[in-house]
Amino acid sequence: MPNVEKTEEEWKKELTPEEYRVLRESGTEAPWKGAFVDNHETGMYSCKACGANLFSSDTKFDSKSGWPSFTDAAVAENVGTRSDDALGMHRTEVFCKNCGGHLGHLFDDGPVEAGGKRYCINSVSLAFEKEGEQKTDAS
């Protein structure tokens, strides 16, 4: 069960229409259009919906797929997977365990020397904090 529980109306108010479509309705952004496809900065990628840390730039690689790709989660307890049989094919969905938001899919065609996994993640599902920059606490 997610730690962040909100109604769909609350999510609609907090997220842009595209963020809502991807994060809450398991959509996919267009390839090569996402903000983080070509991001080569050092830092941490977090969930756009809830802020949970998910992936590190240390495991990001150029998969030439059109989406940001990672070989592993930085914070495994925040990243979950489940079977996805939508669209007439079997895939493994990747989601944020903290809020339940859809992140992308997991494939077995990543770099062999890094374990062979490719977390193919929608940029719109992510926020990025550059190393050395501190998150500001709104409280």
N, C-alpha and C. Protein backbone atom coordinates (compact mmCIF):
# COMPACT_ATOMS: atom_id res chain seq x y z
N MET A 1 0.84 -1.19 0.00
CA MET A 1 0.00 0.00 0.00
C MET A 1 0.88 1.24 0.00
N PRO A 2 0.57 2.21 -0.87
CA PRO A 2 1.36 3.44 -0.92
C PRO A 2 1.29 4.23 0.38
N ASN A 3 2.36 4.98 0.65
CA ASN A 3 2.41 5.85 1.83
C ASN A 3 1.63 7.14 1.58
N VAL A 4 1.59 7.59 0.34
CA VAL A 4 0.89 8.81 -0.03
C VAL A 4 -0.45 8.39 -0.64
N GLU A 5 -1.52 8.75 0.02
CA GLU A 5 -2.84 8.41 -0.49
C GLU A 5 -3.62 9.69 -0.74
N LYS A 6 -4.02 9.88 -1.99
CA LYS A 6 -4.79 11.05 -2.38
C LYS A 6 -5.91 10.60 -3.29
N THR A 7 -6.96 11.39 -3.38
CA THR A 7 -8.03 11.10 -4.32
C THR A 7 -7.55 11.47 -5.72
N GLU A 8 -8.21 10.93 -6.71
CA GLU A 8 -7.85 11.28 -8.09
C GLU A 8 -8.07 12.78 -8.34
N GLU A 9 -9.04 13.36 -7.71
CA GLU A 9 -9.26 14.81 -7.84
C GLU A 9 -8.08 15.59 -7.28
N GLU A 10 -7.52 15.15 -6.15
CA GLU A 10 -6.34 15.81 -5.59
C GLU A 10 -5.15 15.69 -6.53
N TRP A 11 -4.96 14.49 -7.11
CA TRP A 11 -3.86 14.31 -8.06
C TRP A 11 -4.04 15.22 -9.27
N LYS A 12 -5.27 15.34 -9.77
CA LYS A 12 -5.54 16.18 -10.95
C LYS A 12 -5.22 17.65 -10.68
N LYS A 13 -5.43 18.09 -9.44
CA LYS A 13 -5.13 19.47 -9.08
C LYS A 13 -3.62 19.71 -8.96
N GLU A 14 -2.87 18.68 -8.55
CA GLU A 14 -1.44 18.83 -8.29
C GLU A 14 -0.56 18.57 -9.51
N LEU A 15 -1.02 17.74 -10.43
CA LEU A 15 -0.22 17.35 -11.59
C LEU A 15 -0.72 18.04 -12.85
N THR A 16 0.19 18.24 -13.81
CA THR A 16 -0.23 18.74 -15.11
C THR A 16 -1.04 17.63 -15.79
N PRO A 17 -1.81 17.95 -16.82
CA PRO A 17 -2.55 16.89 -17.53
C PRO A 17 -1.65 15.76 -18.03
N GLU A 18 -0.47 16.08 -18.56
CA GLU A 18 0.45 15.04 -19.05
C GLU A 18 1.01 14.21 -17.90
N GLU A 19 1.39 14.85 -16.80
CA GLU A 19 1.87 14.12 -15.63
C GLU A 19 0.78 13.19 -15.11
N TYR A 20 -0.45 13.67 -15.05
CA TYR A 20 -1.56 12.84 -14.58
C TYR A 20 -1.76 11.64 -15.50
N ARG A 21 -1.76 11.88 -16.81
CA ARG A 21 -1.97 10.80 -17.78
C ARG A 21 -0.93 9.69 -17.63
N VAL A 22 0.32 10.07 -17.42
CA VAL A 22 1.38 9.08 -17.30
C VAL A 22 1.41 8.46 -15.90
N LEU A 23 1.47 9.29 -14.88
CA LEU A 23 1.63 8.80 -13.51
C LEU A 23 0.39 8.08 -12.96
N ARG A 24 -0.80 8.57 -13.28
CA ARG A 24 -2.01 8.02 -12.69
C ARG A 24 -2.79 7.10 -13.62
N GLU A 25 -2.57 7.25 -14.95
CA GLU A 25 -3.31 6.42 -15.91
C GLU A 25 -2.39 5.50 -16.70
N SER A 26 -1.15 5.35 -16.25
CA SER A 26 -0.16 4.45 -16.87
C SER A 26 0.09 4.76 -18.34
N GLY A 27 0.11 6.05 -18.67
CA GLY A 27 0.40 6.45 -20.03
C GLY A 27 1.89 6.41 -20.32
N THR A 28 2.25 6.74 -21.55
CA THR A 28 3.65 6.80 -21.97
C THR A 28 3.86 8.09 -22.74
N GLU A 29 4.92 8.82 -22.39
CA GLU A 29 5.22 10.03 -23.15
C GLU A 29 5.88 9.64 -24.47
N ALA A 30 5.84 10.55 -25.42
CA ALA A 30 6.45 10.31 -26.72
C ALA A 30 7.96 10.15 -26.58
N PRO A 31 8.56 9.22 -27.33
CA PRO A 31 10.02 9.06 -27.27
C PRO A 31 10.75 10.30 -27.74
N TRP A 32 11.91 10.54 -27.17
CA TRP A 32 12.82 11.64 -27.50
C TRP A 32 12.29 13.02 -27.13
N LYS A 33 11.13 13.09 -26.45
CA LYS A 33 10.53 14.37 -26.10
C LYS A 33 10.74 14.74 -24.64
N GLY A 34 11.11 13.78 -23.79
CA GLY A 34 11.22 14.02 -22.36
C GLY A 34 12.41 14.88 -21.97
N ALA A 35 12.24 15.60 -20.89
CA ALA A 35 13.26 16.53 -20.39
C ALA A 35 14.56 15.86 -19.98
N PHE A 36 14.51 14.57 -19.62
CA PHE A 36 15.70 13.93 -19.06
C PHE A 36 16.36 12.90 -19.98
N VAL A 37 15.90 12.78 -21.21
CA VAL A 37 16.50 11.82 -22.14
C VAL A 37 17.99 12.10 -22.28
N ASP A 38 18.35 13.36 -22.48
CA ASP A 38 19.75 13.73 -22.69
C ASP A 38 20.36 14.45 -21.50
N ASN A 39 19.78 14.28 -20.33
CA ASN A 39 20.36 14.91 -19.13
C ASN A 39 21.60 14.12 -18.71
N HIS A 40 22.74 14.81 -18.63
CA HIS A 40 23.99 14.16 -18.23
C HIS A 40 24.54 14.75 -16.94
N GLU A 41 23.71 15.50 -16.22
CA GLU A 41 24.11 16.07 -14.92
C GLU A 41 24.17 14.95 -13.88
N THR A 42 24.98 15.17 -12.85
CA THR A 42 25.07 14.22 -11.74
C THR A 42 24.04 14.61 -10.70
N GLY A 43 23.27 13.61 -10.25
CA GLY A 43 22.27 13.90 -9.23
C GLY A 43 21.29 12.76 -9.04
N MET A 44 20.15 13.09 -8.44
CA MET A 44 19.13 12.11 -8.07
C MET A 44 17.81 12.41 -8.78
N TYR A 45 17.20 11.35 -9.31
CA TYR A 45 15.88 11.44 -9.92
C TYR A 45 14.86 10.98 -8.89
N SER A 46 13.80 11.76 -8.73
CA SER A 46 12.76 11.42 -7.77
C SER A 46 11.41 11.39 -8.46
N CYS A 47 10.43 10.87 -7.77
CA CYS A 47 9.07 10.79 -8.29
C CYS A 47 8.48 12.19 -8.38
N LYS A 48 7.96 12.54 -9.54
CA LYS A 48 7.35 13.85 -9.76
C LYS A 48 6.12 14.05 -8.89
N ALA A 49 5.42 12.98 -8.58
CA ALA A 49 4.18 13.09 -7.82
C ALA A 49 4.41 13.24 -6.32
N CYS A 50 5.38 12.51 -5.76
CA CYS A 50 5.51 12.51 -4.29
C CYS A 50 6.90 12.88 -3.78
N GLY A 51 7.89 12.95 -4.66
CA GLY A 51 9.23 13.35 -4.25
C GLY A 51 10.14 12.23 -3.75
N ALA A 52 9.67 10.99 -3.74
CA ALA A 52 10.50 9.87 -3.27
C ALA A 52 11.70 9.68 -4.20
N ASN A 53 12.89 9.52 -3.65
CA ASN A 53 14.09 9.26 -4.45
C ASN A 53 13.96 7.89 -5.12
N LEU A 54 14.32 7.85 -6.41
CA LEU A 54 14.14 6.63 -7.20
C LEU A 54 15.41 6.14 -7.88
N PHE A 55 16.03 7.00 -8.70
CA PHE A 55 17.16 6.59 -9.53
C PHE A 55 18.29 7.61 -9.43
N SER A 56 19.51 7.12 -9.51
CA SER A 56 20.69 7.97 -9.48
C SER A 56 21.26 8.11 -10.89
N SER A 57 21.86 9.26 -11.14
CA SER A 57 22.53 9.45 -12.43
C SER A 57 23.67 8.45 -12.62
N ASP A 58 24.18 7.89 -11.52
CA ASP A 58 25.26 6.89 -11.59
C ASP A 58 24.86 5.66 -12.40
N THR A 59 23.55 5.36 -12.45
CA THR A 59 23.10 4.16 -13.17
C THR A 59 22.36 4.50 -14.46
N LYS A 60 22.34 5.78 -14.84
CA LYS A 60 21.68 6.20 -16.08
C LYS A 60 22.61 5.89 -17.26
N PHE A 61 22.02 5.43 -18.35
CA PHE A 61 22.82 5.16 -19.54
C PHE A 61 21.99 5.49 -20.79
N ASP A 62 22.67 5.66 -21.91
CA ASP A 62 22.02 5.96 -23.17
C ASP A 62 21.60 4.66 -23.85
N SER A 63 20.33 4.34 -23.72
CA SER A 63 19.81 3.10 -24.30
C SER A 63 19.39 3.29 -25.77
N LYS A 64 19.40 4.54 -26.23
CA LYS A 64 18.97 4.88 -27.58
C LYS A 64 17.50 4.49 -27.82
N SER A 65 16.73 4.45 -26.72
CA SER A 65 15.32 4.08 -26.80
C SER A 65 14.40 5.30 -26.88
N GLY A 66 14.91 6.48 -26.49
CA GLY A 66 14.08 7.67 -26.49
C GLY A 66 13.55 8.04 -25.11
N TRP A 67 13.86 7.23 -24.11
CA TRP A 67 13.45 7.50 -22.73
C TRP A 67 14.66 7.38 -21.81
N PRO A 68 14.66 8.09 -20.69
CA PRO A 68 15.74 7.90 -19.72
C PRO A 68 15.79 6.45 -19.28
N SER A 69 16.98 5.89 -19.22
CA SER A 69 17.14 4.48 -18.86
C SER A 69 18.17 4.34 -17.75
N PHE A 70 17.90 3.41 -16.84
CA PHE A 70 18.75 3.16 -15.68
C PHE A 70 18.96 1.66 -15.53
N THR A 71 20.12 1.28 -15.01
CA THR A 71 20.39 -0.15 -14.80
C THR A 71 19.86 -0.67 -13.48
N ASP A 72 19.56 0.24 -12.54
CA ASP A 72 19.08 -0.19 -11.23
C ASP A 72 18.44 1.00 -10.52
N ALA A 73 17.62 0.69 -9.52
CA ALA A 73 17.03 1.73 -8.68
C ALA A 73 18.06 2.18 -7.65
N ALA A 74 18.04 3.45 -7.31
CA ALA A 74 18.94 3.97 -6.27
C ALA A 74 18.40 3.66 -4.89
N VAL A 75 17.09 3.69 -4.76
CA VAL A 75 16.43 3.41 -3.48
C VAL A 75 15.40 2.31 -3.75
N ALA A 76 15.84 1.07 -3.62
CA ALA A 76 15.03 -0.08 -4.02
C ALA A 76 13.68 -0.12 -3.30
N GLU A 77 13.63 0.33 -2.06
CA GLU A 77 12.35 0.27 -1.33
C GLU A 77 11.31 1.25 -1.87
N ASN A 78 11.72 2.17 -2.75
CA ASN A 78 10.78 3.11 -3.35
C ASN A 78 10.32 2.72 -4.75
N VAL A 79 10.94 1.70 -5.33
CA VAL A 79 10.64 1.31 -6.71
C VAL A 79 10.09 -0.12 -6.73
N GLY A 80 8.88 -0.26 -7.26
CA GLY A 80 8.26 -1.57 -7.35
C GLY A 80 8.04 -1.98 -8.79
N THR A 81 7.78 -3.26 -8.98
CA THR A 81 7.45 -3.78 -10.31
C THR A 81 6.23 -4.69 -10.19
N ARG A 82 5.49 -4.78 -11.30
CA ARG A 82 4.34 -5.68 -11.36
C ARG A 82 4.08 -6.03 -12.81
N SER A 83 3.39 -7.13 -13.02
CA SER A 83 3.06 -7.60 -14.35
C SER A 83 2.13 -6.62 -15.04
N ASP A 84 2.36 -6.39 -16.33
CA ASP A 84 1.55 -5.49 -17.14
C ASP A 84 1.23 -6.20 -18.46
N ASP A 85 -0.02 -6.61 -18.62
CA ASP A 85 -0.44 -7.31 -19.83
C ASP A 85 -1.31 -6.44 -20.74
N ALA A 86 -1.25 -5.13 -20.53
CA ALA A 86 -2.01 -4.21 -21.36
C ALA A 86 -1.43 -4.16 -22.77
N LEU A 87 -2.20 -3.67 -23.69
CA LEU A 87 -1.79 -3.47 -25.08
C LEU A 87 -1.42 -4.78 -25.79
N GLY A 88 -1.93 -5.90 -25.30
CA GLY A 88 -1.73 -7.18 -25.96
C GLY A 88 -0.33 -7.75 -25.87
N MET A 89 0.46 -7.27 -24.90
CA MET A 89 1.81 -7.81 -24.72
C MET A 89 2.12 -7.91 -23.24
N HIS A 90 3.07 -8.77 -22.91
CA HIS A 90 3.49 -8.89 -21.52
C HIS A 90 4.73 -8.05 -21.27
N ARG A 91 4.61 -7.15 -20.28
CA ARG A 91 5.74 -6.32 -19.86
C ARG A 91 5.76 -6.28 -18.34
N THR A 92 6.81 -5.67 -17.81
CA THR A 92 6.91 -5.45 -16.37
C THR A 92 6.85 -3.95 -16.12
N GLU A 93 5.79 -3.53 -15.43
CA GLU A 93 5.62 -2.12 -15.10
C GLU A 93 6.51 -1.75 -13.93
N VAL A 94 7.02 -0.52 -13.95
CA VAL A 94 7.79 0.05 -12.84
C VAL A 94 6.93 1.15 -12.23
N PHE A 95 6.79 1.14 -10.91
CA PHE A 95 5.96 2.14 -10.23
C PHE A 95 6.63 2.62 -8.95
N CYS A 96 6.20 3.79 -8.49
CA CYS A 96 6.68 4.34 -7.23
C CYS A 96 5.91 3.69 -6.08
N LYS A 97 6.62 3.03 -5.19
CA LYS A 97 5.97 2.38 -4.06
C LYS A 97 5.41 3.38 -3.05
N ASN A 98 5.91 4.61 -3.08
CA ASN A 98 5.47 5.61 -2.12
C ASN A 98 4.09 6.17 -2.45
N CYS A 99 3.80 6.36 -3.75
CA CYS A 99 2.51 6.94 -4.14
C CYS A 99 1.74 6.11 -5.16
N GLY A 100 2.35 5.06 -5.68
CA GLY A 100 1.68 4.21 -6.67
C GLY A 100 1.77 4.73 -8.09
N GLY A 101 2.50 5.83 -8.31
CA GLY A 101 2.60 6.42 -9.64
C GLY A 101 3.34 5.54 -10.64
N HIS A 102 2.81 5.50 -11.86
CA HIS A 102 3.44 4.75 -12.96
C HIS A 102 4.70 5.49 -13.41
N LEU A 103 5.81 4.76 -13.50
CA LEU A 103 7.08 5.35 -13.91
C LEU A 103 7.49 4.93 -15.32
N GLY A 104 7.26 3.68 -15.67
CA GLY A 104 7.69 3.16 -16.97
C GLY A 104 7.67 1.65 -16.96
N HIS A 105 8.66 1.04 -17.62
CA HIS A 105 8.73 -0.43 -17.70
C HIS A 105 10.16 -0.92 -17.54
N LEU A 106 10.29 -2.17 -17.14
CA LEU A 106 11.58 -2.83 -16.94
C LEU A 106 11.78 -3.87 -18.04
N PHE A 107 12.95 -3.81 -18.67
CA PHE A 107 13.28 -4.75 -19.74
C PHE A 107 14.60 -5.45 -19.44
N ASP A 108 14.81 -6.60 -20.06
CA ASP A 108 16.03 -7.39 -19.85
C ASP A 108 17.06 -7.17 -20.95
N ASP A 109 17.13 -5.95 -21.49
CA ASP A 109 18.08 -5.68 -22.56
C ASP A 109 19.06 -4.56 -22.20
N GLY A 110 19.31 -4.40 -20.90
CA GLY A 110 20.28 -3.39 -20.45
C GLY A 110 21.70 -3.91 -20.57
N PRO A 111 22.67 -3.08 -20.19
CA PRO A 111 24.08 -3.48 -20.28
C PRO A 111 24.37 -4.74 -19.45
N VAL A 112 24.91 -5.74 -20.09
CA VAL A 112 25.19 -7.02 -19.42
C VAL A 112 26.12 -6.83 -18.23
N GLU A 113 27.15 -5.98 -18.40
CA GLU A 113 28.12 -5.77 -17.32
C GLU A 113 27.51 -5.08 -16.09
N ALA A 114 26.29 -4.52 -16.26
CA ALA A 114 25.61 -3.86 -15.13
C ALA A 114 24.38 -4.64 -14.68
N GLY A 115 24.28 -5.89 -15.07
CA GLY A 115 23.18 -6.75 -14.62
C GLY A 115 22.11 -7.04 -15.65
N GLY A 116 22.16 -6.37 -16.80
CA GLY A 116 21.25 -6.69 -17.90
C GLY A 116 19.87 -6.07 -17.82
N LYS A 117 19.60 -5.24 -16.85
CA LYS A 117 18.28 -4.62 -16.71
C LYS A 117 18.27 -3.22 -17.31
N ARG A 118 17.10 -2.85 -17.86
CA ARG A 118 16.89 -1.48 -18.34
C ARG A 118 15.57 -0.97 -17.79
N TYR A 119 15.66 -0.07 -16.83
CA TYR A 119 14.50 0.62 -16.31
C TYR A 119 14.24 1.77 -17.28
N CYS A 120 13.22 1.64 -18.10
CA CYS A 120 12.86 2.62 -19.12
C CYS A 120 11.78 3.51 -18.51
N ILE A 121 12.15 4.75 -18.18
CA ILE A 121 11.31 5.61 -17.34
C ILE A 121 10.87 6.87 -18.09
N ASN A 122 9.63 7.24 -17.94
CA ASN A 122 9.10 8.46 -18.53
C ASN A 122 9.68 9.68 -17.82
N SER A 123 10.24 10.62 -18.57
CA SER A 123 10.76 11.86 -17.97
C SER A 123 9.69 12.59 -17.17
N VAL A 124 8.48 12.60 -17.68
CA VAL A 124 7.39 13.34 -17.03
C VAL A 124 7.07 12.77 -15.65
N SER A 125 7.48 11.55 -15.37
CA SER A 125 7.27 10.94 -14.05
C SER A 125 8.34 11.32 -13.06
N LEU A 126 9.36 12.03 -13.53
CA LEU A 126 10.53 12.31 -12.71
C LEU A 126 10.75 13.80 -12.43
N ALA A 127 11.40 14.06 -11.32
CA ALA A 127 12.00 15.36 -11.01
C ALA A 127 13.48 15.08 -10.85
N PHE A 128 14.33 16.08 -11.00
CA PHE A 128 15.77 15.87 -10.90
C PHE A 128 16.38 16.90 -9.97
N GLU A 129 17.21 16.42 -9.06
CA GLU A 129 17.97 17.31 -8.17
C GLU A 129 19.45 17.13 -8.47
N LYS A 130 20.04 18.18 -8.99
CA LYS A 130 21.46 18.18 -9.31
C LYS A 130 22.28 18.01 -8.03
N GLU A 131 23.33 17.20 -8.12
CA GLU A 131 24.21 16.99 -6.96
C GLU A 131 24.73 18.33 -6.47
N GLY A 132 24.70 18.52 -5.16
CA GLY A 132 25.17 19.75 -4.55
C GLY A 132 24.07 20.76 -4.31
N GLU A 133 22.91 20.57 -4.94
CA GLU A 133 21.77 21.44 -4.68
C GLU A 133 20.88 20.79 -3.64
N GLN A 134 20.45 21.54 -2.67
CA GLN A 134 19.63 21.01 -1.59
C GLN A 134 18.15 21.23 -1.88
N LYS A 135 17.34 20.24 -1.55
CA LYS A 135 15.91 20.43 -1.61
C LYS A 135 15.52 21.43 -0.52
N THR A 136 14.56 22.27 -0.84
CA THR A 136 14.08 23.20 0.18
C THR A 136 12.86 22.60 0.86
N ASP A 137 12.83 22.71 2.16
CA ASP A 137 11.73 22.16 2.94
C ASP A 137 10.67 23.25 3.08
N ALA A 138 9.48 22.96 2.62
CA ALA A 138 8.40 23.94 2.63
C ALA A 138 7.77 24.12 4.01
N SER A 139 8.16 23.32 4.98
CA SER A 139 7.51 23.44 6.30
C SER A 139 8.09 24.56 7.13
